[in-house]
Every structure is written in structure tokens, then in C-alpha cells.
């Protein structure tokens, strides 16, 4: 159990990781998370999928610089990955494209 707690604490994003994002703000992240929650409810997904999605977003934003144009793509990609782990019938890529107003392609 101690090993698990250590691994979990090491892999959590740092508290002030958003300070290192030059193109996006904490408010933009907040808007993204609000939108992710709406999508979560629309797709009727498990709560675990939502929690994992937010965790993946934060972990990615801590490590990589993201432009405003790609922030929603990060959120959609994180949800796609989370749903592959947590859902029996995850939404299809075309569903994610549709929910993001066709802002992105399958590629």
C-alpha cells in the first residue's frame, strides 16, 4: 500500500504547474473542465472517466506547452483515453469530433 501511495503522489501534477503555460491561463483550463463535465453528462459516462480525464489533462499540461487552439484537443484526447480505460462502450472518435463542433479531424 505504501508503494502505491508513493507512486500516486509522484505522478500528481504540481500545484502551480499552470504558471509555466505561456499561452493558456487558469481560467481557460477552468472553462475546458466545465466543458468536459458537460460532455461527460451528455455521453452519460462513469464518474471515474471524468476524474481520470481531468487528471490526464493536468498531467499533460504540467509537462507540455499547449496553445489556445489545441487546449480543447487536449481535453478531448484525455477523455478518449480515460474512456478506453473506464467505459464498457466508450464514445467513438466521430462522437468527439461532433461534440467539438468539428474543430478537429480524426487525424
C-alpha atoms as a PDB file:
ATOM      1  CA  UNK A   1       0.000   0.000   0.000  1.00  0.00           C
ATOM      2  CA  UNK A   2       2.819   2.425   0.803  1.00  0.00           C
ATOM      3  CA  UNK A   3       4.354   1.881  -2.643  1.00  0.00           C
ATOM      4  CA  UNK A   4       1.002   2.730  -4.275  1.00  0.00           C
ATOM      5  CA  UNK A   5       0.676   5.981  -2.297  1.00  0.00           C
ATOM      6  CA  UNK A   6       4.236   6.961  -3.168  1.00  0.00           C
ATOM      7  CA  UNK A   7       3.676   6.288  -6.869  1.00  0.00           C
ATOM      8  CA  UNK A   8       0.412   8.250  -6.806  1.00  0.00           C
ATOM      9  CA  UNK A   9       1.991  11.256  -5.116  1.00  0.00           C
ATOM     10  CA  UNK A  10       4.934  11.282  -7.540  1.00  0.00           C
ATOM     11  CA  UNK A  11       2.613  11.267 -10.571  1.00  0.00           C
ATOM     12  CA  UNK A  12       0.313  14.068  -9.416  1.00  0.00           C
ATOM     13  CA  UNK A  13       0.776  17.435 -11.143  1.00  0.00           C
ATOM     14  CA  UNK A  14       2.486  20.159  -9.140  1.00  0.00           C
ATOM     15  CA  UNK A  15       0.181  22.719  -7.530  1.00  0.00           C
ATOM     16  CA  UNK A  16       1.326  25.715  -9.596  1.00  0.00           C
ATOM     17  CA  UNK A  17       2.027  23.996 -12.902  1.00  0.00           C
ATOM     18  CA  UNK A  18      -0.170  26.459 -14.834  1.00  0.00           C
ATOM     19  CA  UNK A  19       2.325  29.252 -14.136  1.00  0.00           C
ATOM     20  CA  UNK A  20       4.569  27.643 -16.757  1.00  0.00           C
ATOM     21  CA  UNK A  21       1.950  27.760 -19.534  1.00  0.00           C
ATOM     22  CA  UNK A  22       2.698  30.824 -21.695  1.00  0.00           C
ATOM     23  CA  UNK A  23      -0.369  30.616 -23.965  1.00  0.00           C
ATOM     24  CA  UNK A  24      -3.197  29.475 -21.705  1.00  0.00           C
ATOM     25  CA  UNK A  25      -4.474  30.657 -18.328  1.00  0.00           C
ATOM     26  CA  UNK A  26      -6.050  29.020 -15.312  1.00  0.00           C
ATOM     27  CA  UNK A  27      -9.367  30.492 -16.442  1.00  0.00           C
ATOM     28  CA  UNK A  28      -9.018  28.758 -19.826  1.00  0.00           C
ATOM     29  CA  UNK A  29      -8.331  25.484 -18.032  1.00  0.00           C
ATOM     30  CA  UNK A  30     -11.421  26.079 -15.894  1.00  0.00           C
ATOM     31  CA  UNK A  31     -13.573  26.665 -18.985  1.00  0.00           C
ATOM     32  CA  UNK A  32     -12.180  23.475 -20.522  1.00  0.00           C
ATOM     33  CA  UNK A  33     -13.009  21.459 -17.399  1.00  0.00           C
ATOM     34  CA  UNK A  34     -16.560  22.896 -17.335  1.00  0.00           C
ATOM     35  CA  UNK A  35     -16.981  21.836 -20.962  1.00  0.00           C
ATOM     36  CA  UNK A  36     -15.531  18.380 -20.201  1.00  0.00           C
ATOM     37  CA  UNK A  37     -18.119  17.981 -17.420  1.00  0.00           C
ATOM     38  CA  UNK A  38     -20.922  18.880 -19.859  1.00  0.00           C
ATOM     39  CA  UNK A  39     -19.607  16.362 -22.395  1.00  0.00           C
ATOM     40  CA  UNK A  40     -19.344  13.774 -19.630  1.00  0.00           C
ATOM     41  CA  UNK A  41     -23.030  14.229 -18.811  1.00  0.00           C
ATOM     42  CA  UNK A  42     -24.066  14.229 -22.479  1.00  0.00           C
ATOM     43  CA  UNK A  43     -22.281  10.934 -23.087  1.00  0.00           C
ATOM     44  CA  UNK A  44     -23.586   9.519 -19.765  1.00  0.00           C
ATOM     45  CA  UNK A  45     -20.120   8.370 -18.719  1.00  0.00           C
ATOM     46  CA  UNK A  46     -18.895   6.955 -15.421  1.00  0.00           C
ATOM     47  CA  UNK A  47     -17.611   9.349 -12.762  1.00  0.00           C
ATOM     48  CA  UNK A  48     -14.271   7.543 -12.898  1.00  0.00           C
ATOM     49  CA  UNK A  49     -13.929   8.575 -16.536  1.00  0.00           C
ATOM     50  CA  UNK A  50     -14.401  12.224 -15.585  1.00  0.00           C
ATOM     51  CA  UNK A  51     -11.838  12.080 -12.770  1.00  0.00           C
ATOM     52  CA  UNK A  52      -9.290  10.305 -14.943  1.00  0.00           C
ATOM     53  CA  UNK A  53      -9.898  12.785 -17.787  1.00  0.00           C
ATOM     54  CA  UNK A  54      -9.165  15.778 -15.548  1.00  0.00           C
ATOM     55  CA  UNK A  55      -6.110  14.056 -14.101  1.00  0.00           C
ATOM     56  CA  UNK A  56      -4.749  13.309 -17.581  1.00  0.00           C
ATOM     57  CA  UNK A  57      -5.350  16.907 -18.676  1.00  0.00           C
ATOM     58  CA  UNK A  58      -3.478  18.264 -15.669  1.00  0.00           C
ATOM     59  CA  UNK A  59      -0.610  15.840 -16.053  1.00  0.00           C
ATOM     60  CA  UNK A  60      -0.263  16.702 -19.733  1.00  0.00           C
ATOM     61  CA  UNK A  61      -0.440  20.458 -19.139  1.00  0.00           C
ATOM     62  CA  UNK A  62       2.244  20.158 -16.482  1.00  0.00           C
ATOM     63  CA  UNK A  63       4.682  18.587 -18.958  1.00  0.00           C
ATOM     64  CA  UNK A  64       3.811  20.165 -22.326  1.00  0.00           C
ATOM     65  CA  UNK A  65       3.253  23.710 -23.568  1.00  0.00           C
ATOM     66  CA  UNK A  66      -0.186  23.959 -25.180  1.00  0.00           C
ATOM     67  CA  UNK A  67      -1.585  26.649 -27.465  1.00  0.00           C
ATOM     68  CA  UNK A  68      -5.082  28.076 -27.068  1.00  0.00           C
ATOM     69  CA  UNK A  69      -6.066  26.393 -30.321  1.00  0.00           C
ATOM     70  CA  UNK A  70      -5.098  22.942 -29.038  1.00  0.00           C
ATOM     71  CA  UNK A  71      -6.433  23.128 -25.485  1.00  0.00           C
ATOM     72  CA  UNK A  72      -9.808  21.602 -26.370  1.00  0.00           C
ATOM     73  CA  UNK A  73      -7.994  18.884 -28.336  1.00  0.00           C
ATOM     74  CA  UNK A  74      -6.014  18.021 -25.196  1.00  0.00           C
ATOM     75  CA  UNK A  75      -9.294  17.698 -23.284  1.00  0.00           C
ATOM     76  CA  UNK A  76     -10.967  15.557 -25.933  1.00  0.00           C
ATOM     77  CA  UNK A  77      -7.888  13.333 -26.222  1.00  0.00           C
ATOM     78  CA  UNK A  78      -7.704  12.903 -22.449  1.00  0.00           C
ATOM     79  CA  UNK A  79     -11.376  11.921 -22.362  1.00  0.00           C
ATOM     80  CA  UNK A  80     -10.865   9.454 -25.205  1.00  0.00           C
ATOM     81  CA  UNK A  81      -8.023   7.786 -23.302  1.00  0.00           C
ATOM     82  CA  UNK A  82      -9.897   7.805 -19.976  1.00  0.00           C
ATOM     83  CA  UNK A  83     -12.988   6.257 -21.552  1.00  0.00           C
ATOM     84  CA  UNK A  84     -10.912   3.496 -23.141  1.00  0.00           C
ATOM     85  CA  UNK A  85      -9.888   2.534 -19.590  1.00  0.00           C
ATOM     86  CA  UNK A  86     -13.147   3.052 -17.734  1.00  0.00           C
ATOM     87  CA  UNK A  87     -16.097   2.579 -20.097  1.00  0.00           C
ATOM     88  CA  UNK A  88     -17.506  -0.647 -21.475  1.00  0.00           C
ATOM     89  CA  UNK A  89     -18.779   1.207 -24.570  1.00  0.00           C
ATOM     90  CA  UNK A  90     -16.618   4.316 -24.948  1.00  0.00           C
ATOM     91  CA  UNK A  91     -17.755   7.056 -27.338  1.00  0.00           C
ATOM     92  CA  UNK A  92     -16.351   6.808 -30.849  1.00  0.00           C
ATOM     93  CA  UNK A  93     -13.851   9.291 -32.280  1.00  0.00           C
ATOM     94  CA  UNK A  94     -16.589  10.666 -34.555  1.00  0.00           C
ATOM     95  CA  UNK A  95     -18.620  11.478 -31.410  1.00  0.00           C
ATOM     96  CA  UNK A  96     -15.719  13.526 -30.036  1.00  0.00           C
ATOM     97  CA  UNK A  97     -15.308  15.327 -33.363  1.00  0.00           C
ATOM     98  CA  UNK A  98     -19.014  16.148 -33.402  1.00  0.00           C
ATOM     99  CA  UNK A  99     -19.082  17.328 -29.773  1.00  0.00           C
ATOM    100  CA  UNK A 100     -16.192  19.712 -30.509  1.00  0.00           C
ATOM    101  CA  UNK A 101     -18.110  21.282 -33.426  1.00  0.00           C
ATOM    102  CA  UNK A 102     -15.849  19.595 -35.992  1.00  0.00           C
ATOM    103  CA  UNK A 103     -12.911  21.750 -34.867  1.00  0.00           C
ATOM    104  CA  UNK A 104     -10.624  18.741 -35.325  1.00  0.00           C
ATOM    105  CA  UNK A 105     -10.332  15.740 -37.614  1.00  0.00           C
ATOM    106  CA  UNK A 106      -9.771  12.092 -36.844  1.00  0.00           C
ATOM    107  CA  UNK A 107      -6.099  12.533 -37.754  1.00  0.00           C
END
